[in-house]
Amino acid sequence: METHAHDLHKAPGHGWKHYFFEFFMLFLAVTLGFYAENLREGIKNKEEINLSMRSLVSDLKADIRHFDSVLDRNQYGYAMADSLIRLLHSDMSNTVEIYYAARAVTSNIGYFYSNEKTFDQIKSSGLLKLIRPRSLLDSIGSYYVSFEWLTNQSELLRMKLDEIHKGNRELFDGYVFYEMMNVNLGNFNGTHLVINKPQGHPVLLTTEFSKVNAVLLNYHYYSSTAKFYCRTAVMQRALAIRLIQLINKEYEAD
């Protein structure tokens, strides 16, 4: 009877094997939950980075279109500046072409910039660390950092243009310029603007060598700066194309 009573007080199934089994099940549940959460987070991050890469490619394509438009205007502008320089040097009597070239330059100015909205969102959301491979991340960063150089050149180009505006008052009749700009700006579709040639035979306000030479120098400095500016932009455009190719290789973002 004593033995029987003693056995009744034993809690069946609560030996060390039972406790180990409960611990194992609890550990398994926590581990599986941890892995499930990581899997869910990984899927979410993958979706977010894929969406971001598609958006980034869209921004890069917009940059390329902008490059093409601004390059067309600026290349036309510095070509007209070169024409004006030659005219002021050797054919001062051809005032129709002198007026036309001078005003065509200042009508065709464009500045290069980048749409950094998606890149800024990627940075602020912490997704940069998820971009693979590292070489792609480096290429993306380099592309946007290099725009600082173009920005600096933009400021220099603005300075040269300001000098042109100040100098032109010594040589050109402002009302003639005004009439030449009587054009339909609604026809401006991202390419260079074609203005009117002046009517008749407009006169220059002076033929004094020092003043004419000052205007010539202003256009020369502008042309040289614009050529360097455009050359840098051509390289930046090539970087954008290359970056699209790299992103598509890893993420098929097109």
C-alpha atoms as a PDB file:
ATOM      1  CA  MET A   1       0.000   0.000   0.000  1.00  0.00           C
ATOM      2  CA  GLU A   2       2.842   2.407   0.802  1.00  0.00           C
ATOM      3  CA  THR A   3       4.503   1.687  -2.493  1.00  0.00           C
ATOM      4  CA  HIS A   4       1.279   2.266  -4.346  1.00  0.00           C
ATOM      5  CA  ALA A   5       0.672   5.598  -2.596  1.00  0.00           C
ATOM      6  CA  HIS A   6       4.199   6.723  -3.396  1.00  0.00           C
ATOM      7  CA  ASP A   7       3.728   5.952  -7.091  1.00  0.00           C
ATOM      8  CA  LEU A   8       0.500   7.948  -7.174  1.00  0.00           C
ATOM      9  CA  HIS A   9       2.350  11.082  -6.119  1.00  0.00           C
ATOM     10  CA  LYS A  10       4.743  10.887  -9.076  1.00  0.00           C
ATOM     11  CA  ALA A  11       3.777  13.325 -11.851  1.00  0.00           C
ATOM     12  CA  PRO A  12       3.701  11.178 -14.949  1.00  0.00           C
ATOM     13  CA  GLY A  13       5.473  12.528 -18.033  1.00  0.00           C
ATOM     14  CA  HIS A  14       7.438  15.276 -16.199  1.00  0.00           C
ATOM     15  CA  GLY A  15      10.886  13.764 -16.354  1.00  0.00           C
ATOM     16  CA  TRP A  16      13.909  15.460 -17.901  1.00  0.00           C
ATOM     17  CA  LYS A  17      12.962  14.162 -21.342  1.00  0.00           C
ATOM     18  CA  HIS A  18       9.643  15.934 -21.102  1.00  0.00           C
ATOM     19  CA  TYR A  19      11.241  19.237 -20.112  1.00  0.00           C
ATOM     20  CA  PHE A  20      13.849  18.898 -22.846  1.00  0.00           C
ATOM     21  CA  PHE A  21      11.105  18.257 -25.368  1.00  0.00           C
ATOM     22  CA  GLU A  22       9.193  21.370 -24.233  1.00  0.00           C
ATOM     23  CA  PHE A  23      12.367  23.453 -24.407  1.00  0.00           C
ATOM     24  CA  PHE A  24      13.138  22.107 -27.871  1.00  0.00           C
ATOM     25  CA  MET A  25       9.648  22.908 -29.135  1.00  0.00           C
ATOM     26  CA  LEU A  26       9.828  26.417 -27.698  1.00  0.00           C
ATOM     27  CA  PHE A  27      13.279  26.931 -29.226  1.00  0.00           C
ATOM     28  CA  LEU A  28      12.042  25.615 -32.563  1.00  0.00           C
ATOM     29  CA  ALA A  29       9.026  27.931 -32.500  1.00  0.00           C
ATOM     30  CA  VAL A  30      11.175  30.985 -31.724  1.00  0.00           C
ATOM     31  CA  THR A  31      13.749  30.032 -34.340  1.00  0.00           C
ATOM     32  CA  LEU A  32      11.140  29.418 -37.009  1.00  0.00           C
ATOM     33  CA  GLY A  33       9.475  32.718 -36.126  1.00  0.00           C
ATOM     34  CA  PHE A  34      12.820  34.463 -36.385  1.00  0.00           C
ATOM     35  CA  TYR A  35      13.524  32.922 -39.784  1.00  0.00           C
ATOM     36  CA  ALA A  36       9.999  33.644 -40.970  1.00  0.00           C
ATOM     37  CA  GLU A  37      10.342  37.283 -39.969  1.00  0.00           C
ATOM     38  CA  ASN A  38      13.708  37.506 -41.697  1.00  0.00           C
ATOM     39  CA  LEU A  39      12.234  35.891 -44.795  1.00  0.00           C
ATOM     40  CA  ARG A  40       9.329  38.318 -44.788  1.00  0.00           C
ATOM     41  CA  GLU A  41      11.689  41.254 -44.294  1.00  0.00           C
ATOM     42  CA  GLY A  42      13.957  39.957 -47.046  1.00  0.00           C
ATOM     43  CA  ILE A  43      11.056  39.665 -49.499  1.00  0.00           C
ATOM     44  CA  LYS A  44       9.879  43.158 -48.573  1.00  0.00           C
ATOM     45  CA  ASN A  45      13.382  44.612 -49.016  1.00  0.00           C
ATOM     46  CA  LYS A  46      13.783  42.844 -52.342  1.00  0.00           C
ATOM     47  CA  GLU A  47      10.500  44.287 -53.585  1.00  0.00           C
ATOM     48  CA  GLU A  48      11.455  47.765 -52.377  1.00  0.00           C
ATOM     49  CA  ILE A  49      14.909  47.704 -53.942  1.00  0.00           C
ATOM     50  CA  ASN A  50      13.519  46.383 -57.235  1.00  0.00           C
ATOM     51  CA  LEU A  51      10.951  49.195 -57.303  1.00  0.00           C
ATOM     52  CA  SER A  52      13.657  51.700 -56.435  1.00  0.00           C
ATOM     53  CA  MET A  53      15.908  50.431 -59.206  1.00  0.00           C
ATOM     54  CA  ARG A  54      13.098  50.749 -61.738  1.00  0.00           C
ATOM     55  CA  SER A  55      12.462  54.287 -60.553  1.00  0.00           C
ATOM     56  CA  LEU A  56      16.179  55.054 -60.682  1.00  0.00           C
ATOM     57  CA  VAL A  57      16.388  53.832 -64.279  1.00  0.00           C
ATOM     58  CA  SER A  58      13.437  56.072 -65.116  1.00  0.00           C
ATOM     59  CA  ASP A  59      15.283  59.035 -63.575  1.00  0.00           C
ATOM     60  CA  LEU A  60      18.422  58.205 -65.542  1.00  0.00           C
ATOM     61  CA  LYS A  61      16.469  58.071 -68.796  1.00  0.00           C
ATOM     62  CA  ALA A  62      14.992  61.475 -67.953  1.00  0.00           C
ATOM     63  CA  ASP A  63      18.532  62.735 -67.335  1.00  0.00           C
ATOM     64  CA  ILE A  64      19.602  61.495 -70.765  1.00  0.00           C
ATOM     65  CA  ARG A  65      16.678  63.248 -72.470  1.00  0.00           C
ATOM     66  CA  HIS A  66      17.580  66.415 -70.599  1.00  0.00           C
ATOM     67  CA  PHE A  67      21.225  66.044 -71.626  1.00  0.00           C
ATOM     68  CA  ASP A  68      20.220  65.707 -75.269  1.00  0.00           C
ATOM     69  CA  SER A  69      18.046  68.822 -75.148  1.00  0.00           C
ATOM     70  CA  VAL A  70      20.586  71.012 -73.336  1.00  0.00           C
ATOM     71  CA  LEU A  71      23.478  69.755 -75.454  1.00  0.00           C
ATOM     72  CA  ASP A  72      21.615  70.701 -78.603  1.00  0.00           C
ATOM     73  CA  ARG A  73      20.997  74.248 -77.357  1.00  0.00           C
ATOM     74  CA  ASN A  74      24.478  74.834 -75.962  1.00  0.00           C
ATOM     75  CA  GLN A  75      26.320  73.338 -78.913  1.00  0.00           C
ATOM     76  CA  TYR A  76      24.271  75.505 -81.250  1.00  0.00           C
ATOM     77  CA  GLY A  77      24.964  78.484 -78.978  1.00  0.00           C
ATOM     78  CA  TYR A  78      28.729  78.157 -78.917  1.00  0.00           C
ATOM     79  CA  ALA A  79      28.792  77.511 -82.681  1.00  0.00           C
ATOM     80  CA  MET A  80      26.986  80.833 -83.146  1.00  0.00           C
ATOM     81  CA  ALA A  81      29.446  82.478 -80.743  1.00  0.00           C
ATOM     82  CA  ASP A  82      32.317  81.270 -82.903  1.00  0.00           C
ATOM     83  CA  SER A  83      30.573  82.663 -85.982  1.00  0.00           C
ATOM     84  CA  LEU A  84      30.147  86.018 -84.263  1.00  0.00           C
ATOM     85  CA  ILE A  85      33.835  86.114 -83.292  1.00  0.00           C
ATOM     86  CA  ARG A  86      34.872  85.582 -86.906  1.00  0.00           C
ATOM     87  CA  LEU A  87      32.428  88.229 -88.138  1.00  0.00           C
ATOM     88  CA  LEU A  88      33.583  90.831 -85.622  1.00  0.00           C
ATOM     89  CA  HIS A  89      37.152  90.114 -86.600  1.00  0.00           C
ATOM     90  CA  SER A  90      36.853  90.150 -90.370  1.00  0.00           C
ATOM     91  CA  ASP A  91      33.428  91.307 -91.608  1.00  0.00           C
ATOM     92  CA  MET A  92      32.041  94.153 -89.503  1.00  0.00           C
ATOM     93  CA  SER A  93      29.796  95.250 -92.376  1.00  0.00           C
ATOM     94  CA  ASN A  94      27.641  92.104 -92.166  1.00  0.00           C
ATOM     95  CA  THR A  95      25.523  93.474 -89.347  1.00  0.00           C
ATOM     96  CA  VAL A  96      22.530  91.220 -90.084  1.00  0.00           C
ATOM     97  CA  GLU A  97      24.567  88.116 -89.305  1.00  0.00           C
ATOM     98  CA  ILE A  98      26.369  89.837 -86.420  1.00  0.00           C
ATOM     99  CA  TYR A  99      23.087  90.725 -84.709  1.00  0.00           C
ATOM    100  CA  TYR A 100      21.661  87.310 -85.454  1.00  0.00           C
ATOM    101  CA  ALA A 101      24.640  85.384 -84.073  1.00  0.00           C
ATOM    102  CA  ALA A 102      24.910  87.579 -80.976  1.00  0.00           C
ATOM    103  CA  ARG A 103      21.251  87.146 -80.024  1.00  0.00           C
ATOM    104  CA  ALA A 104      21.125  83.464 -81.002  1.00  0.00           C
ATOM    105  CA  VAL A 105      23.817  82.702 -78.421  1.00  0.00           C
ATOM    106  CA  THR A 106      21.973  84.280 -75.507  1.00  0.00           C
ATOM    107  CA  SER A 107      18.706  82.671 -76.646  1.00  0.00           C
ATOM    108  CA  ASN A 108      20.144  79.181 -76.424  1.00  0.00           C
ATOM    109  CA  ILE A 109      21.486  78.641 -72.947  1.00  0.00           C
ATOM    110  CA  GLY A 110      20.800  75.488 -70.969  1.00  0.00           C
ATOM    111  CA  TYR A 111      22.109  74.054 -67.736  1.00  0.00           C
ATOM    112  CA  PHE A 112      22.640  70.414 -66.897  1.00  0.00           C
ATOM    113  CA  TYR A 113      21.122  68.938 -63.779  1.00  0.00           C
ATOM    114  CA  SER A 114      20.052  65.545 -62.510  1.00  0.00           C
ATOM    115  CA  ASN A 115      16.774  64.244 -61.148  1.00  0.00           C
ATOM    116  CA  GLU A 116      17.984  62.912 -57.785  1.00  0.00           C
ATOM    117  CA  LYS A 117      14.572  62.229 -56.221  1.00  0.00           C
ATOM    118  CA  THR A 118      14.820  58.429 -56.269  1.00  0.00           C
ATOM    119  CA  PHE A 119      18.463  58.419 -55.194  1.00  0.00           C
ATOM    120  CA  ASP A 120      17.626  60.656 -52.233  1.00  0.00           C
ATOM    121  CA  GLN A 121      14.729  58.360 -51.274  1.00  0.00           C
ATOM    122  CA  ILE A 122      17.011  55.316 -51.412  1.00  0.00           C
ATOM    123  CA  LYS A 123      19.505  57.048 -49.150  1.00  0.00           C
ATOM    124  CA  SER A 124      16.909  58.230 -46.623  1.00  0.00           C
ATOM    125  CA  SER A 125      15.193  54.814 -46.454  1.00  0.00           C
ATOM    126  CA  GLY A 126      18.448  52.957 -45.754  1.00  0.00           C
ATOM    127  CA  LEU A 127      18.195  50.844 -48.909  1.00  0.00           C
ATOM    128  CA  LEU A 128      21.685  51.726 -50.104  1.00  0.00           C
ATOM    129  CA  LYS A 129      23.162  48.871 -48.060  1.00  0.00           C
ATOM    130  CA  LEU A 130      20.950  46.406 -49.927  1.00  0.00           C
ATOM    131  CA  ILE A 131      22.235  47.276 -53.396  1.00  0.00           C
ATOM    132  CA  ARG A 132      24.337  44.452 -54.810  1.00  0.00           C
ATOM    133  CA  PRO A 133      27.003  44.084 -56.002  1.00  0.00           C
ATOM    134  CA  ARG A 134      29.090  46.718 -54.248  1.00  0.00           C
ATOM    135  CA  SER A 135      30.526  47.853 -57.574  1.00  0.00           C
ATOM    136  CA  LEU A 136      27.014  48.872 -58.680  1.00  0.00           C
ATOM    137  CA  LEU A 137      26.524  50.893 -55.500  1.00  0.00           C
ATOM    138  CA  ASP A 138      29.851  52.615 -56.129  1.00  0.00           C
ATOM    139  CA  SER A 139      28.836  53.408 -59.707  1.00  0.00           C
ATOM    140  CA  ILE A 140      25.523  54.908 -58.592  1.00  0.00           C
ATOM    141  CA  GLY A 141      27.227  57.032 -55.961  1.00  0.00           C
ATOM    142  CA  SER A 142      29.906  58.209 -58.396  1.00  0.00           C
ATOM    143  CA  TYR A 143      27.304  59.238 -60.963  1.00  0.00           C
ATOM    144  CA  TYR A 144      25.478  61.568 -58.588  1.00  0.00           C
ATOM    145  CA  VAL A 145      28.603  62.922 -56.916  1.00  0.00           C
ATOM    146  CA  SER A 146      30.065  63.862 -60.299  1.00  0.00           C
ATOM    147  CA  PHE A 147      27.179  66.285 -60.861  1.00  0.00           C
ATOM    148  CA  GLU A 148      28.864  68.606 -58.375  1.00  0.00           C
ATOM    149  CA  TRP A 149      31.482  69.277 -61.052  1.00  0.00           C
ATOM    150  CA  LEU A 150      28.810  70.134 -63.598  1.00  0.00           C
ATOM    151  CA  THR A 151      27.139  72.416 -61.062  1.00  0.00           C
ATOM    152  CA  ASN A 152      30.393  74.314 -60.595  1.00  0.00           C
ATOM    153  CA  GLN A 153      30.754  74.683 -64.346  1.00  0.00           C
ATOM    154  CA  SER A 154      27.153  75.905 -64.561  1.00  0.00           C
ATOM    155  CA  GLU A 155      28.018  78.773 -62.235  1.00  0.00           C
ATOM    156  CA  LEU A 156      31.057  79.639 -64.350  1.00  0.00           C
ATOM    157  CA  LEU A 157      28.915  79.598 -67.508  1.00  0.00           C
ATOM    158  CA  ARG A 158      26.401  81.952 -65.861  1.00  0.00           C
ATOM    159  CA  MET A 159      29.233  84.352 -65.074  1.00  0.00           C
ATOM    160  CA  LYS A 160      30.412  84.329 -68.686  1.00  0.00           C
ATOM    161  CA  LEU A 161      26.853  84.922 -69.898  1.00  0.00           C
ATOM    162  CA  ASP A 162      26.481  87.835 -67.492  1.00  0.00           C
ATOM    163  CA  GLU A 163      29.598  89.417 -68.990  1.00  0.00           C
ATOM    164  CA  ILE A 164      28.090  89.037 -72.477  1.00  0.00           C
ATOM    165  CA  HIS A 165      24.895  90.799 -71.376  1.00  0.00           C
ATOM    166  CA  LYS A 166      26.840  93.664 -69.831  1.00  0.00           C
ATOM    167  CA  GLY A 167      29.120  94.067 -72.848  1.00  0.00           C
ATOM    168  CA  ASN A 168      26.400  93.917 -75.487  1.00  0.00           C
ATOM    169  CA  ARG A 169      24.940  97.246 -74.395  1.00  0.00           C
ATOM    170  CA  GLU A 170      28.006  98.931 -75.873  1.00  0.00           C
ATOM    171  CA  LEU A 171      27.536  97.449 -79.332  1.00  0.00           C
ATOM    172  CA  PHE A 172      23.943  96.448 -80.075  1.00  0.00           C
ATOM    173  CA  ASP A 173      20.631  98.253 -80.424  1.00  0.00           C
ATOM    174  CA  GLY A 174      18.323  96.744 -77.816  1.00  0.00           C
ATOM    175  CA  TYR A 175      15.158  97.320 -79.854  1.00  0.00           C
ATOM    176  CA  VAL A 176      16.580  95.289 -82.735  1.00  0.00           C
ATOM    177  CA  PHE A 177      17.140  92.420 -80.299  1.00  0.00           C
ATOM    178  CA  TYR A 178      13.571  92.853 -79.070  1.00  0.00           C
ATOM    179  CA  GLU A 179      12.114  92.517 -82.560  1.00  0.00           C
ATOM    180  CA  MET A 180      14.267  89.480 -83.291  1.00  0.00           C
ATOM    181  CA  MET A 181      12.667  87.675 -80.346  1.00  0.00           C
ATOM    182  CA  ASN A 182       9.145  88.017 -81.751  1.00  0.00           C
ATOM    183  CA  VAL A 183       8.870  84.249 -82.167  1.00  0.00           C
ATOM    184  CA  ASN A 184       6.408  81.590 -81.103  1.00  0.00           C
ATOM    185  CA  LEU A 185       8.012  80.031 -78.040  1.00  0.00           C
ATOM    186  CA  GLY A 186       5.335  77.339 -78.132  1.00  0.00           C
ATOM    187  CA  ASN A 187       7.273  75.748 -80.989  1.00  0.00           C
ATOM    188  CA  PHE A 188      10.237  75.215 -78.699  1.00  0.00           C
ATOM    189  CA  ASN A 189      10.358  71.431 -78.255  1.00  0.00           C
ATOM    190  CA  GLY A 190      13.588  70.862 -76.413  1.00  0.00           C
ATOM    191  CA  THR A 191      15.872  71.746 -79.321  1.00  0.00           C
ATOM    192  CA  HIS A 192      17.646  75.025 -79.931  1.00  0.00           C
ATOM    193  CA  LEU A 193      15.525  78.106 -80.445  1.00  0.00           C
ATOM    194  CA  VAL A 194      15.567  79.670 -83.903  1.00  0.00           C
ATOM    195  CA  ILE A 195      15.023  83.426 -83.713  1.00  0.00           C
ATOM    196  CA  ASN A 196      14.259  85.997 -86.408  1.00  0.00           C
ATOM    197  CA  LYS A 197      16.982  87.726 -88.346  1.00  0.00           C
ATOM    198  CA  PRO A 198      16.863  91.523 -88.075  1.00  0.00           C
ATOM    199  CA  GLN A 199      15.076  93.532 -90.715  1.00  0.00           C
ATOM    200  CA  GLY A 200      17.023  95.848 -92.995  1.00  0.00           C
ATOM    201  CA  HIS A 201      20.617  96.639 -92.187  1.00  0.00           C
ATOM    202  CA  PRO A 202      20.869  97.387 -88.440  1.00  0.00           C
ATOM    203  CA  VAL A 203      23.765  99.494 -87.290  1.00  0.00           C
ATOM    204  CA  LEU A 204      26.251  98.779 -84.530  1.00  0.00           C
ATOM    205  CA  LEU A 205      26.381 101.418 -81.809  1.00  0.00           C
ATOM    206  CA  THR A 206      30.129 101.693 -82.192  1.00  0.00           C
ATOM    207  CA  THR A 207      32.996 100.433 -84.284  1.00  0.00           C
ATOM    208  CA  GLU A 208      35.606 101.480 -81.737  1.00  0.00           C
ATOM    209  CA  PHE A 209      38.141  98.692 -81.646  1.00  0.00           C
ATOM    210  CA  SER A 210      38.428  98.414 -77.848  1.00  0.00           C
ATOM    211  CA  LYS A 211      34.654  98.087 -77.376  1.00  0.00           C
ATOM    212  CA  VAL A 212      34.228  95.669 -80.258  1.00  0.00           C
ATOM    213  CA  ASN A 213      37.160  93.648 -78.985  1.00  0.00           C
ATOM    214  CA  ALA A 214      35.639  93.545 -75.478  1.00  0.00           C
ATOM    215  CA  VAL A 215      32.446  92.029 -76.912  1.00  0.00           C
ATOM    216  CA  LEU A 216      34.468  89.589 -78.996  1.00  0.00           C
ATOM    217  CA  LEU A 217      36.409  88.490 -75.909  1.00  0.00           C
ATOM    218  CA  ASN A 218      33.208  87.986 -73.915  1.00  0.00           C
ATOM    219  CA  TYR A 219      31.865  85.635 -76.569  1.00  0.00           C
ATOM    220  CA  HIS A 220      35.210  83.884 -76.850  1.00  0.00           C
ATOM    221  CA  TYR A 221      35.381  83.180 -73.119  1.00  0.00           C
ATOM    222  CA  TYR A 222      31.771  82.043 -73.172  1.00  0.00           C
ATOM    223  CA  SER A 223      32.365  79.724 -76.146  1.00  0.00           C
ATOM    224  CA  SER A 224      35.426  78.137 -74.543  1.00  0.00           C
ATOM    225  CA  THR A 225      33.587  77.569 -71.258  1.00  0.00           C
ATOM    226  CA  ALA A 226      30.497  76.189 -73.018  1.00  0.00           C
ATOM    227  CA  LYS A 227      32.580  73.728 -75.041  1.00  0.00           C
ATOM    228  CA  PHE A 228      34.225  72.370 -71.909  1.00  0.00           C
ATOM    229  CA  TYR A 229      30.858  72.302 -70.158  1.00  0.00           C
ATOM    230  CA  CYS A 230      29.276  70.299 -72.977  1.00  0.00           C
ATOM    231  CA  ARG A 231      32.233  67.926 -73.187  1.00  0.00           C
ATOM    232  CA  THR A 232      31.815  67.141 -69.490  1.00  0.00           C
ATOM    233  CA  ALA A 233      28.088  66.643 -70.002  1.00  0.00           C
ATOM    234  CA  VAL A 234      28.701  64.204 -72.870  1.00  0.00           C
ATOM    235  CA  MET A 235      30.817  62.099 -70.510  1.00  0.00           C
ATOM    236  CA  GLN A 236      28.122  62.322 -67.834  1.00  0.00           C
ATOM    237  CA  ARG A 237      25.516  61.211 -70.356  1.00  0.00           C
ATOM    238  CA  ALA A 238      27.669  58.185 -71.197  1.00  0.00           C
ATOM    239  CA  LEU A 239      27.838  57.381 -67.472  1.00  0.00           C
ATOM    240  CA  ALA A 240      24.037  57.460 -67.274  1.00  0.00           C
ATOM    241  CA  ILE A 241      23.741  55.009 -70.170  1.00  0.00           C
ATOM    242  CA  ARG A 242      26.344  52.720 -68.618  1.00  0.00           C
ATOM    243  CA  LEU A 243      24.630  52.883 -65.236  1.00  0.00           C
ATOM    244  CA  ILE A 244      21.295  51.848 -66.768  1.00  0.00           C
ATOM    245  CA  GLN A 245      23.031  48.832 -68.307  1.00  0.00           C
ATOM    246  CA  LEU A 246      24.589  47.852 -64.962  1.00  0.00           C
ATOM    247  CA  ILE A 247      21.285  48.175 -63.103  1.00  0.00           C
ATOM    248  CA  ASN A 248      19.419  46.153 -65.732  1.00  0.00           C
ATOM    249  CA  LYS A 249      22.066  43.457 -65.540  1.00  0.00           C
ATOM    250  CA  GLU A 250      21.404  42.969 -61.825  1.00  0.00           C
ATOM    251  CA  TYR A 251      17.741  43.907 -61.459  1.00  0.00           C
ATOM    252  CA  GLU A 252      16.134  43.883 -64.927  1.00  0.00           C
ATOM    253  CA  ALA A 253      14.674  47.281 -64.056  1.00  0.00           C
ATOM    254  CA  ASP A 254      13.583  48.302 -67.560  1.00  0.00           C
END
